[in-house]
């Protein structure tokens, strides 16, 4: 019985702490942006930059991966044959 009471007290404490943290974060957020229009505008711009950064980062990662594989193809002949076969196959496809 005592253990159950201790568990309940700990759960209530944790829930109150989470609610207090959430309230503080909401107060900070709403102090910076009082109008919903400003919040929507900020989130829209943030989304545009997130999308642009994702595309740019993906492009850079793919370019580096292709570059590293091309360097490996110089030293490993079987990779060179494999890449040449893929290149030949892509060149043969109808346009």
PDB file of N, CA and C in Angstrom:
ATOM      1  N   UNK A   1       0.827  -1.190   0.000  1.00  0.00           N
ATOM      2  CA  UNK A   1       0.000   0.000   0.000  1.00  0.00           C
ATOM      3  C   UNK A   1       0.875   1.258   0.000  1.00  0.00           C
ATOM      4  N   UNK A   2       1.942   1.193   0.800  1.00  0.00           N
ATOM      5  CA  UNK A   2       2.824   2.352   0.902  1.00  0.00           C
ATOM      6  C   UNK A   2       3.564   2.599  -0.422  1.00  0.00           C
ATOM      7  N   UNK A   3       3.976   1.498  -1.083  1.00  0.00           N
ATOM      8  CA  UNK A   3       4.679   1.635  -2.362  1.00  0.00           C
ATOM      9  C   UNK A   3       3.772   2.250  -3.425  1.00  0.00           C
ATOM     10  N   UNK A   4       2.505   1.877  -3.411  1.00  0.00           N
ATOM     11  CA  UNK A   4       1.547   2.437  -4.366  1.00  0.00           C
ATOM     12  C   UNK A   4       1.394   3.930  -4.137  1.00  0.00           C
ATOM     13  N   UNK A   5       1.321   4.323  -2.877  1.00  0.00           N
ATOM     14  CA  UNK A   5       1.179   5.742  -2.554  1.00  0.00           C
ATOM     15  C   UNK A   5       2.421   6.519  -2.996  1.00  0.00           C
ATOM     16  N   UNK A   6       3.593   5.934  -2.802  1.00  0.00           N
ATOM     17  CA  UNK A   6       4.836   6.592  -3.219  1.00  0.00           C
ATOM     18  C   UNK A   6       4.876   6.729  -4.739  1.00  0.00           C
ATOM     19  N   UNK A   7       4.439   5.696  -5.454  1.00  0.00           N
ATOM     20  CA  UNK A   7       4.400   5.761  -6.918  1.00  0.00           C
ATOM     21  C   UNK A   7       3.454   6.854  -7.386  1.00  0.00           C
ATOM     22  N   UNK A   8       2.309   6.949  -6.750  1.00  0.00           N
ATOM     23  CA  UNK A   8       1.326   7.976  -7.133  1.00  0.00           C
ATOM     24  C   UNK A   8       1.889   9.363  -6.873  1.00  0.00           C
ATOM     25  N   UNK A   9       2.537   9.547  -5.720  1.00  0.00           N
ATOM     26  CA  UNK A   9       3.119  10.854  -5.386  1.00  0.00           C
ATOM     27  C   UNK A   9       4.206  11.213  -6.397  1.00  0.00           C
ATOM     28  N   UNK A  10       5.049  10.262  -6.747  1.00  0.00           N
ATOM     29  CA  UNK A  10       6.112  10.526  -7.730  1.00  0.00           C
ATOM     30  C   UNK A  10       5.531  10.852  -9.099  1.00  0.00           C
ATOM     31  N   UNK A  11       4.472  10.154  -9.494  1.00  0.00           N
ATOM     32  CA  UNK A  11       3.831  10.433 -10.783  1.00  0.00           C
ATOM     33  C   UNK A  11       3.249  11.830 -10.802  1.00  0.00           C
ATOM     34  N   UNK A  12       2.592  12.217  -9.716  1.00  0.00           N
ATOM     35  CA  UNK A  12       2.010  13.565  -9.638  1.00  0.00           C
ATOM     36  C   UNK A  12       3.117  14.614  -9.711  1.00  0.00           C
ATOM     37  N   UNK A  13       4.233  14.387  -9.009  1.00  0.00           N
ATOM     38  CA  UNK A  13       5.360  15.330  -9.048  1.00  0.00           C
ATOM     39  C   UNK A  13       5.904  15.459 -10.471  1.00  0.00           C
ATOM     40  N   UNK A  14       6.092  14.322 -11.140  1.00  0.00           N
ATOM     41  CA  UNK A  14       6.620  14.344 -12.516  1.00  0.00           C
ATOM     42  C   UNK A  14       5.660  15.055 -13.462  1.00  0.00           C
ATOM     43  N   UNK A  15       4.365  14.782 -13.321  1.00  0.00           N
ATOM     44  CA  UNK A  15       3.377  15.439 -14.176  1.00  0.00           C
ATOM     45  C   UNK A  15       3.356  16.943 -13.935  1.00  0.00           C
ATOM     46  N   UNK A  16       3.458  17.363 -12.674  1.00  0.00           N
ATOM     47  CA  UNK A  16       3.473  18.791 -12.361  1.00  0.00           C
ATOM     48  C   UNK A  16       4.726  19.460 -12.918  1.00  0.00           C
ATOM     49  N   UNK A  17       5.855  18.761 -12.836  1.00  0.00           N
ATOM     50  CA  UNK A  17       7.096  19.316 -13.372  1.00  0.00           C
ATOM     51  C   UNK A  17       7.014  19.470 -14.889  1.00  0.00           C
ATOM     52  N   UNK A  18       6.470  18.458 -15.577  1.00  0.00           N
ATOM     53  CA  UNK A  18       6.311  18.543 -17.030  1.00  0.00           C
ATOM     54  C   UNK A  18       5.378  19.682 -17.414  1.00  0.00           C
ATOM     55  N   UNK A  19       4.280  19.816 -16.683  1.00  0.00           N
ATOM     56  CA  UNK A  19       3.329  20.890 -16.975  1.00  0.00           C
ATOM     57  C   UNK A  19       3.961  22.257 -16.737  1.00  0.00           C
ATOM     58  N   UNK A  20       4.761  22.381 -15.689  1.00  0.00           N
ATOM     59  CA  UNK A  20       5.425  23.653 -15.408  1.00  0.00           C
ATOM     60  C   UNK A  20       6.425  23.999 -16.507  1.00  0.00           C
ATOM     61  N   UNK A  21       7.189  23.000 -16.966  1.00  0.00           N
ATOM     62  CA  UNK A  21       8.145  23.253 -18.057  1.00  0.00           C
ATOM     63  C   UNK A  21       7.419  23.660 -19.330  1.00  0.00           C
ATOM     64  N   UNK A  22       6.324  22.979 -19.639  1.00  0.00           N
ATOM     65  CA  UNK A  22       5.547  23.307 -20.825  1.00  0.00           C
ATOM     66  C   UNK A  22       5.001  24.732 -20.727  1.00  0.00           C
ATOM     67  N   UNK A  23       4.519  25.108 -19.544  1.00  0.00           N
ATOM     68  CA  UNK A  23       3.977  26.455 -19.359  1.00  0.00           C
ATOM     69  C   UNK A  23       5.058  27.515 -19.546  1.00  0.00           C
ATOM     70  N   UNK A  24       6.257  27.246 -19.033  1.00  0.00           N
ATOM     71  CA  UNK A  24       7.360  28.204 -19.191  1.00  0.00           C
ATOM     72  C   UNK A  24       7.727  28.353 -20.662  1.00  0.00           C
ATOM     73  N   UNK A  25       7.815  27.239 -21.381  1.00  0.00           N
ATOM     74  CA  UNK A  25       8.144  27.307 -22.808  1.00  0.00           C
ATOM     75  C   UNK A  25       7.064  28.049 -23.597  1.00  0.00           C
ATOM     76  N   UNK A  26       5.809  27.805 -23.277  1.00  0.00           N
ATOM     77  CA  UNK A  26       4.730  28.515 -23.965  1.00  0.00           C
ATOM     78  C   UNK A  26       4.781  30.004 -23.666  1.00  0.00           C
ATOM     79  N   UNK A  27       5.075  30.377 -22.418  1.00  0.00           N
ATOM     80  CA  UNK A  27       5.191  31.794 -22.073  1.00  0.00           C
ATOM     81  C   UNK A  27       6.319  32.458 -22.843  1.00  0.00           C
ATOM     82  N   UNK A  28       7.456  31.779 -22.939  1.00  0.00           N
ATOM     83  CA  UNK A  28       8.586  32.337 -23.693  1.00  0.00           C
ATOM     84  C   UNK A  28       8.207  32.494 -25.157  1.00  0.00           C
ATOM     85  N   UNK A  29       7.578  31.484 -25.724  1.00  0.00           N
ATOM     86  CA  UNK A  29       7.206  31.527 -27.138  1.00  0.00           C
ATOM     87  C   UNK A  29       6.205  32.652 -27.400  1.00  0.00           C
ATOM     88  N   UNK A  30       5.174  32.757 -26.582  1.00  0.00           N
ATOM     89  CA  UNK A  30       4.138  33.763 -26.826  1.00  0.00           C
ATOM     90  C   UNK A  30       4.595  35.170 -26.469  1.00  0.00           C
ATOM     91  N   UNK A  31       5.634  35.304 -25.628  1.00  0.00           N
ATOM     92  CA  UNK A  31       6.186  36.629 -25.365  1.00  0.00           C
ATOM     93  C   UNK A  31       6.908  37.159 -26.589  1.00  0.00           C
ATOM     94  N   UNK A  32       7.564  36.255 -27.321  1.00  0.00           N
ATOM     95  CA  UNK A  32       8.303  36.693 -28.508  1.00  0.00           C
ATOM     96  C   UNK A  32       7.357  36.994 -29.667  1.00  0.00           C
ATOM     97  N   UNK A  33       6.281  36.249 -29.803  1.00  0.00           N
ATOM     98  CA  UNK A  33       5.367  36.384 -30.933  1.00  0.00           C
ATOM     99  C   UNK A  33       3.943  36.501 -30.405  1.00  0.00           C
ATOM    100  N   UNK A  34       3.448  37.715 -30.366  1.00  0.00           N
ATOM    101  CA  UNK A  34       2.123  37.936 -29.792  1.00  0.00           C
ATOM    102  C   UNK A  34       1.008  37.604 -30.780  1.00  0.00           C
ATOM    103  N   UNK A  35       1.232  37.789 -32.063  1.00  0.00           N
ATOM    104  CA  UNK A  35       0.156  37.553 -33.025  1.00  0.00           C
ATOM    105  C   UNK A  35       0.370  36.225 -33.747  1.00  0.00           C
ATOM    106  N   UNK A  36      -0.724  35.614 -34.102  1.00  0.00           N
ATOM    107  CA  UNK A  36      -0.644  34.342 -34.838  1.00  0.00           C
ATOM    108  C   UNK A  36      -0.048  34.553 -36.224  1.00  0.00           C
ATOM    109  N   UNK A  37      -0.299  35.694 -36.824  1.00  0.00           N
ATOM    110  CA  UNK A  37       0.248  35.967 -38.156  1.00  0.00           C
ATOM    111  C   UNK A  37       1.781  35.941 -38.117  1.00  0.00           C
ATOM    112  N   UNK A  38       2.365  36.512 -37.079  1.00  0.00           N
ATOM    113  CA  UNK A  38       3.826  36.517 -36.952  1.00  0.00           C
ATOM    114  C   UNK A  38       4.355  35.093 -36.760  1.00  0.00           C
ATOM    115  N   UNK A  39       3.625  34.300 -36.003  1.00  0.00           N
ATOM    116  CA  UNK A  39       4.027  32.906 -35.785  1.00  0.00           C
ATOM    117  C   UNK A  39       3.978  32.135 -37.102  1.00  0.00           C
ATOM    118  N   UNK A  40       2.882  32.310 -37.863  1.00  0.00           N
ATOM    119  CA  UNK A  40       2.751  31.609 -39.140  1.00  0.00           C
ATOM    120  C   UNK A  40       3.839  32.042 -40.118  1.00  0.00           C
ATOM    121  N   UNK A  41       4.114  33.332 -40.158  1.00  0.00           N
ATOM    122  CA  UNK A  41       5.144  33.845 -41.065  1.00  0.00           C
ATOM    123  C   UNK A  41       6.521  33.286 -40.699  1.00  0.00           C
ATOM    124  N   UNK A  42       6.816  33.274 -39.404  1.00  0.00           N
ATOM    125  CA  UNK A  42       8.104  32.757 -38.956  1.00  0.00           C
ATOM    126  C   UNK A  42       8.231  31.268 -39.291  1.00  0.00           C
ATOM    127  N   UNK A  43       7.171  30.494 -39.064  1.00  0.00           N
ATOM    128  CA  UNK A  43       7.212  29.065 -39.374  1.00  0.00           C
ATOM    129  C   UNK A  43       7.301  28.812 -40.878  1.00  0.00           C
ATOM    130  N   UNK A  44       6.665  29.646 -41.688  1.00  0.00           N
ATOM    131  CA  UNK A  44       6.743  29.515 -43.141  1.00  0.00           C
ATOM    132  C   UNK A  44       8.174  29.733 -43.631  1.00  0.00           C
ATOM    133  N   UNK A  45       8.785  30.809 -43.167  1.00  0.00           N
ATOM    134  CA  UNK A  45      10.163  31.110 -43.567  1.00  0.00           C
ATOM    135  C   UNK A  45      11.103  30.017 -43.071  1.00  0.00           C
ATOM    136  N   UNK A  46      10.882  29.550 -41.853  1.00  0.00           N
ATOM    137  CA  UNK A  46      11.694  28.471 -41.311  1.00  0.00           C
ATOM    138  C   UNK A  46      11.568  27.211 -42.164  1.00  0.00           C
ATOM    139  N   UNK A  47      10.362  26.904 -42.624  1.00  0.00           N
ATOM    140  CA  UNK A  47      10.141  25.734 -43.468  1.00  0.00           C
ATOM    141  C   UNK A  47      10.833  25.853 -44.811  1.00  0.00           C
ATOM    142  N   UNK A  48      10.815  27.056 -45.388  1.00  0.00           N
ATOM    143  CA  UNK A  48      11.507  27.269 -46.664  1.00  0.00           C
ATOM    144  C   UNK A  48      13.003  27.025 -46.504  1.00  0.00           C
ATOM    145  N   UNK A  49      13.586  27.588 -45.445  1.00  0.00           N
ATOM    146  CA  UNK A  49      15.023  27.398 -45.232  1.00  0.00           C
ATOM    147  C   UNK A  49      15.352  25.951 -44.899  1.00  0.00           C
ATOM    148  N   UNK A  50      14.471  25.266 -44.178  1.00  0.00           N
ATOM    149  CA  UNK A  50      14.695  23.853 -43.881  1.00  0.00           C
ATOM    150  C   UNK A  50      14.687  23.028 -45.170  1.00  0.00           C
ATOM    151  N   UNK A  51      13.736  23.286 -46.051  1.00  0.00           N
ATOM    152  CA  UNK A  51      13.675  22.564 -47.324  1.00  0.00           C
ATOM    153  C   UNK A  51      14.886  22.846 -48.190  1.00  0.00           C
ATOM    154  N   UNK A  52      15.280  24.116 -48.274  1.00  0.00           N
ATOM    155  CA  UNK A  52      16.450  24.487 -49.071  1.00  0.00           C
ATOM    156  C   UNK A  52      17.711  23.831 -48.517  1.00  0.00           C
ATOM    157  N   UNK A  53      17.870  23.842 -47.202  1.00  0.00           N
ATOM    158  CA  UNK A  53      19.045  23.233 -46.583  1.00  0.00           C
ATOM    159  C   UNK A  53      19.087  21.733 -46.795  1.00  0.00           C
ATOM    160  N   UNK A  54      17.915  21.102 -46.759  1.00  0.00           N
ATOM    161  CA  UNK A  54      17.849  19.667 -46.977  1.00  0.00           C
ATOM    162  C   UNK A  54      18.269  19.304 -48.394  1.00  0.00           C
ATOM    163  N   UNK A  55      17.754  20.041 -49.364  1.00  0.00           N
ATOM    164  CA  UNK A  55      18.102  19.765 -50.759  1.00  0.00           C
ATOM    165  C   UNK A  55      19.581  20.038 -51.009  1.00  0.00           C
ATOM    166  N   UNK A  56      20.074  21.149 -50.505  1.00  0.00           N
ATOM    167  CA  UNK A  56      21.479  21.494 -50.696  1.00  0.00           C
ATOM    168  C   UNK A  56      22.393  20.471 -50.018  1.00  0.00           C
ATOM    169  N   UNK A  57      22.067  20.089 -48.792  1.00  0.00           N
ATOM    170  CA  UNK A  57      22.870  19.102 -48.076  1.00  0.00           C
ATOM    171  C   UNK A  57      22.846  17.751 -48.767  1.00  0.00           C
ATOM    172  N   UNK A  58      21.680  17.329 -49.246  1.00  0.00           N
ATOM    173  CA  UNK A  58      21.583  16.058 -49.962  1.00  0.00           C
ATOM    174  C   UNK A  58      22.402  16.062 -51.231  1.00  0.00           C
ATOM    175  N   UNK A  59      22.370  17.174 -51.946  1.00  0.00           N
ATOM    176  CA  UNK A  59      23.147  17.294 -53.174  1.00  0.00           C
ATOM    177  C   UNK A  59      24.643  17.181 -52.889  1.00  0.00           C
ATOM    178  N   UNK A  60      25.079  17.838 -51.842  1.00  0.00           N
ATOM    179  CA  UNK A  60      26.502  17.799 -51.492  1.00  0.00           C
ATOM    180  C   UNK A  60      26.915  16.387 -51.073  1.00  0.00           C
ATOM    181  N   UNK A  61      26.071  15.717 -50.285  1.00  0.00           N
ATOM    182  CA  UNK A  61      26.397  14.359 -49.832  1.00  0.00           C
ATOM    183  C   UNK A  61      26.473  13.404 -51.020  1.00  0.00           C
ATOM    184  N   UNK A  62      25.530  13.486 -51.949  1.00  0.00           N
ATOM    185  CA  UNK A  62      25.542  12.607 -53.123  1.00  0.00           C
ATOM    186  C   UNK A  62      26.765  12.895 -53.990  1.00  0.00           C
ATOM    187  N   UNK A  63      27.096  14.180 -54.178  1.00  0.00           N
ATOM    188  CA  UNK A  63      28.270  14.530 -54.985  1.00  0.00           C
ATOM    189  C   UNK A  63      29.551  13.986 -54.347  1.00  0.00           C
ATOM    190  N   UNK A  64      29.677  14.107 -53.031  1.00  0.00           N
ATOM    191  CA  UNK A  64      30.862  13.572 -52.357  1.00  0.00           C
ATOM    192  C   UNK A  64      30.916  12.053 -52.448  1.00  0.00           C
ATOM    193  N   UNK A  65      29.773  11.403 -52.347  1.00  0.00           N
ATOM    194  CA  UNK A  65      29.731   9.948 -52.457  1.00  0.00           C
ATOM    195  C   UNK A  65      30.161   9.487 -53.851  1.00  0.00           C
ATOM    196  N   UNK A  66      29.676  10.160 -54.869  1.00  0.00           N
ATOM    197  CA  UNK A  66      30.067   9.805 -56.243  1.00  0.00           C
ATOM    198  C   UNK A  66      31.560  10.052 -56.445  1.00  0.00           C
ATOM    199  N   UNK A  67      32.055  11.143 -55.902  1.00  0.00           N
ATOM    200  CA  UNK A  67      33.480  11.465 -56.037  1.00  0.00           C
ATOM    201  C   UNK A  67      34.350  10.399 -55.360  1.00  0.00           C
ATOM    202  N   UNK A  68      33.964   9.986 -54.141  1.00  0.00           N
ATOM    203  CA  UNK A  68      34.734   8.964 -53.428  1.00  0.00           C
ATOM    204  C   UNK A  68      34.669   7.636 -54.182  1.00  0.00           C
ATOM    205  N   UNK A  69      33.501   7.277 -54.702  1.00  0.00           N
ATOM    206  CA  UNK A  69      33.388   6.036 -55.461  1.00  0.00           C
ATOM    207  C   UNK A  69      34.225   6.079 -56.737  1.00  0.00           C
ATOM    208  N   UNK A  70      34.302   7.253 -57.372  1.00  0.00           N
ATOM    209  CA  UNK A  70      35.127   7.349 -58.580  1.00  0.00           C
ATOM    210  C   UNK A  70      36.610   7.199 -58.234  1.00  0.00           C
ATOM    211  N   UNK A  71      37.007   7.699 -57.057  1.00  0.00           N
ATOM    212  CA  UNK A  71      38.398   7.503 -56.630  1.00  0.00           C
ATOM    213  C   UNK A  71      38.672   6.032 -56.333  1.00  0.00           C
ATOM    214  N   UNK A  72      37.696   5.363 -55.723  1.00  0.00           N
ATOM    215  CA  UNK A  72      37.870   3.939 -55.437  1.00  0.00           C
ATOM    216  C   UNK A  72      37.921   3.114 -56.719  1.00  0.00           C
ATOM    217  N   UNK A  73      37.179   3.558 -57.729  1.00  0.00           N
ATOM    218  CA  UNK A  73      37.148   2.816 -58.991  1.00  0.00           C
ATOM    219  C   UNK A  73      38.514   2.813 -59.665  1.00  0.00           C
ATOM    220  N   UNK A  74      39.322   3.800 -59.391  1.00  0.00           N
ATOM    221  CA  UNK A  74      40.669   3.841 -59.965  1.00  0.00           C
ATOM    222  C   UNK A  74      41.517   2.708 -59.393  1.00  0.00           C
ATOM    223  N   UNK A  75      41.352   2.440 -58.099  1.00  0.00           N
ATOM    224  CA  UNK A  75      42.203   1.456 -57.425  1.00  0.00           C
ATOM    225  C   UNK A  75      41.619   0.044 -57.424  1.00  0.00           C
ATOM    226  N   UNK A  76      40.328  -0.090 -57.616  1.00  0.00           N
ATOM    227  CA  UNK A  76      39.685  -1.408 -57.602  1.00  0.00           C
ATOM    228  C   UNK A  76      39.080  -1.651 -58.984  1.00  0.00           C
ATOM    229  N   UNK A  77      39.696  -2.497 -59.784  1.00  0.00           N
ATOM    230  CA  UNK A  77      39.252  -2.688 -61.169  1.00  0.00           C
ATOM    231  C   UNK A  77      37.818  -3.234 -61.289  1.00  0.00           C
ATOM    232  N   UNK A  78      37.397  -4.066 -60.353  1.00  0.00           N
ATOM    233  CA  UNK A  78      36.046  -4.622 -60.461  1.00  0.00           C
ATOM    234  C   UNK A  78      34.993  -3.528 -60.292  1.00  0.00           C
ATOM    235  N   UNK A  79      35.280  -2.544 -59.458  1.00  0.00           N
ATOM    236  CA  UNK A  79      34.362  -1.404 -59.327  1.00  0.00           C
ATOM    237  C   UNK A  79      34.314  -0.588 -60.611  1.00  0.00           C
ATOM    238  N   UNK A  80      35.461  -0.440 -61.241  1.00  0.00           N
ATOM    239  CA  UNK A  80      35.503   0.315 -62.498  1.00  0.00           C
ATOM    240  C   UNK A  80      34.658  -0.376 -63.557  1.00  0.00           C
ATOM    241  N   UNK A  81      34.774  -1.703 -63.647  1.00  0.00           N
ATOM    242  CA  UNK A  81      33.952  -2.448 -64.612  1.00  0.00           C
ATOM    243  C   UNK A  81      32.467  -2.310 -64.287  1.00  0.00           C
ATOM    244  N   UNK A  82      32.137  -2.356 -63.018  1.00  0.00           N
ATOM    245  CA  UNK A  82      30.746  -2.222 -62.601  1.00  0.00           C
ATOM    246  C   UNK A  82      30.190  -0.850 -62.985  1.00  0.00           C
ATOM    247  N   UNK A  83      30.944   0.200 -62.687  1.00  0.00           N
ATOM    248  CA  UNK A  83      30.492   1.554 -63.018  1.00  0.00           C
ATOM    249  C   UNK A  83      30.428   1.773 -64.530  1.00  0.00           C
ATOM    250  N   UNK A  84      31.370   1.199 -65.259  1.00  0.00           N
ATOM    251  CA  UNK A  84      31.329   1.315 -66.721  1.00  0.00           C
ATOM    252  C   UNK A  84      30.090   0.621 -67.282  1.00  0.00           C
ATOM    253  N   UNK A  85      29.728  -0.526 -66.705  1.00  0.00           N
ATOM    254  CA  UNK A  85      28.525  -1.228 -67.140  1.00  0.00           C
ATOM    255  C   UNK A  85      27.271  -0.414 -66.875  1.00  0.00           C
ATOM    256  N   UNK A  86      27.200   0.215 -65.718  1.00  0.00           N
ATOM    257  CA  UNK A  86      26.041   1.063 -65.403  1.00  0.00           C
ATOM    258  C   UNK A  86      25.994   2.255 -66.345  1.00  0.00           C
ATOM    259  N   UNK A  87      27.142   2.867 -66.590  1.00  0.00           N
ATOM    260  CA  UNK A  87      27.200   4.016 -67.499  1.00  0.00           C
ATOM    261  C   UNK A  87      26.765   3.616 -68.907  1.00  0.00           C
ATOM    262  N   UNK A  88      27.227   2.463 -69.364  1.00  0.00           N
ATOM    263  CA  UNK A  88      26.855   1.973 -70.699  1.00  0.00           C
ATOM    264  C   UNK A  88      25.357   1.699 -70.763  1.00  0.00           C
ATOM    265  N   UNK A  89      24.803   1.122 -69.714  1.00  0.00           N
ATOM    266  CA  UNK A  89      23.376   0.828 -69.658  1.00  0.00           C
ATOM    267  C   UNK A  89      22.553   2.121 -69.685  1.00  0.00           C
ATOM    268  N   UNK A  90      23.000   3.134 -68.964  1.00  0.00           N
ATOM    269  CA  UNK A  90      22.289   4.416 -68.962  1.00  0.00           C
ATOM    270  C   UNK A  90      22.364   5.117 -70.308  1.00  0.00           C
ATOM    271  N   UNK A  91      23.486   4.958 -71.003  1.00  0.00           N
ATOM    272  CA  UNK A  91      23.631   5.561 -72.329  1.00  0.00           C
ATOM    273  C   UNK A  91      22.744   4.875 -73.353  1.00  0.00           C
ATOM    274  N   UNK A  92      22.462   3.578 -73.175  1.00  0.00           N
ATOM    275  CA  UNK A  92      21.657   2.823 -74.130  1.00  0.00           C
ATOM    276  C   UNK A  92      20.167   3.095 -74.022  1.00  0.00           C
ATOM    277  N   UNK A  93      19.699   3.610 -72.893  1.00  0.00           N
ATOM    278  CA  UNK A  93      18.254   3.797 -72.686  1.00  0.00           C
ATOM    279  C   UNK A  93      17.716   4.807 -73.696  1.00  0.00           C
ATOM    280  N   UNK A  94      16.499   4.540 -74.223  1.00  0.00           N
ATOM    281  CA  UNK A  94      15.917   5.453 -75.221  1.00  0.00           C
ATOM    282  C   UNK A  94      15.540   6.785 -74.578  1.00  0.00           C
ATOM    283  N   UNK A  95      15.654   7.829 -75.366  1.00  0.00           N
ATOM    284  CA  UNK A  95      15.380   9.161 -74.828  1.00  0.00           C
ATOM    285  C   UNK A  95      14.067   9.618 -75.219  1.00  0.00           C
TER     286      UNK A  95
END
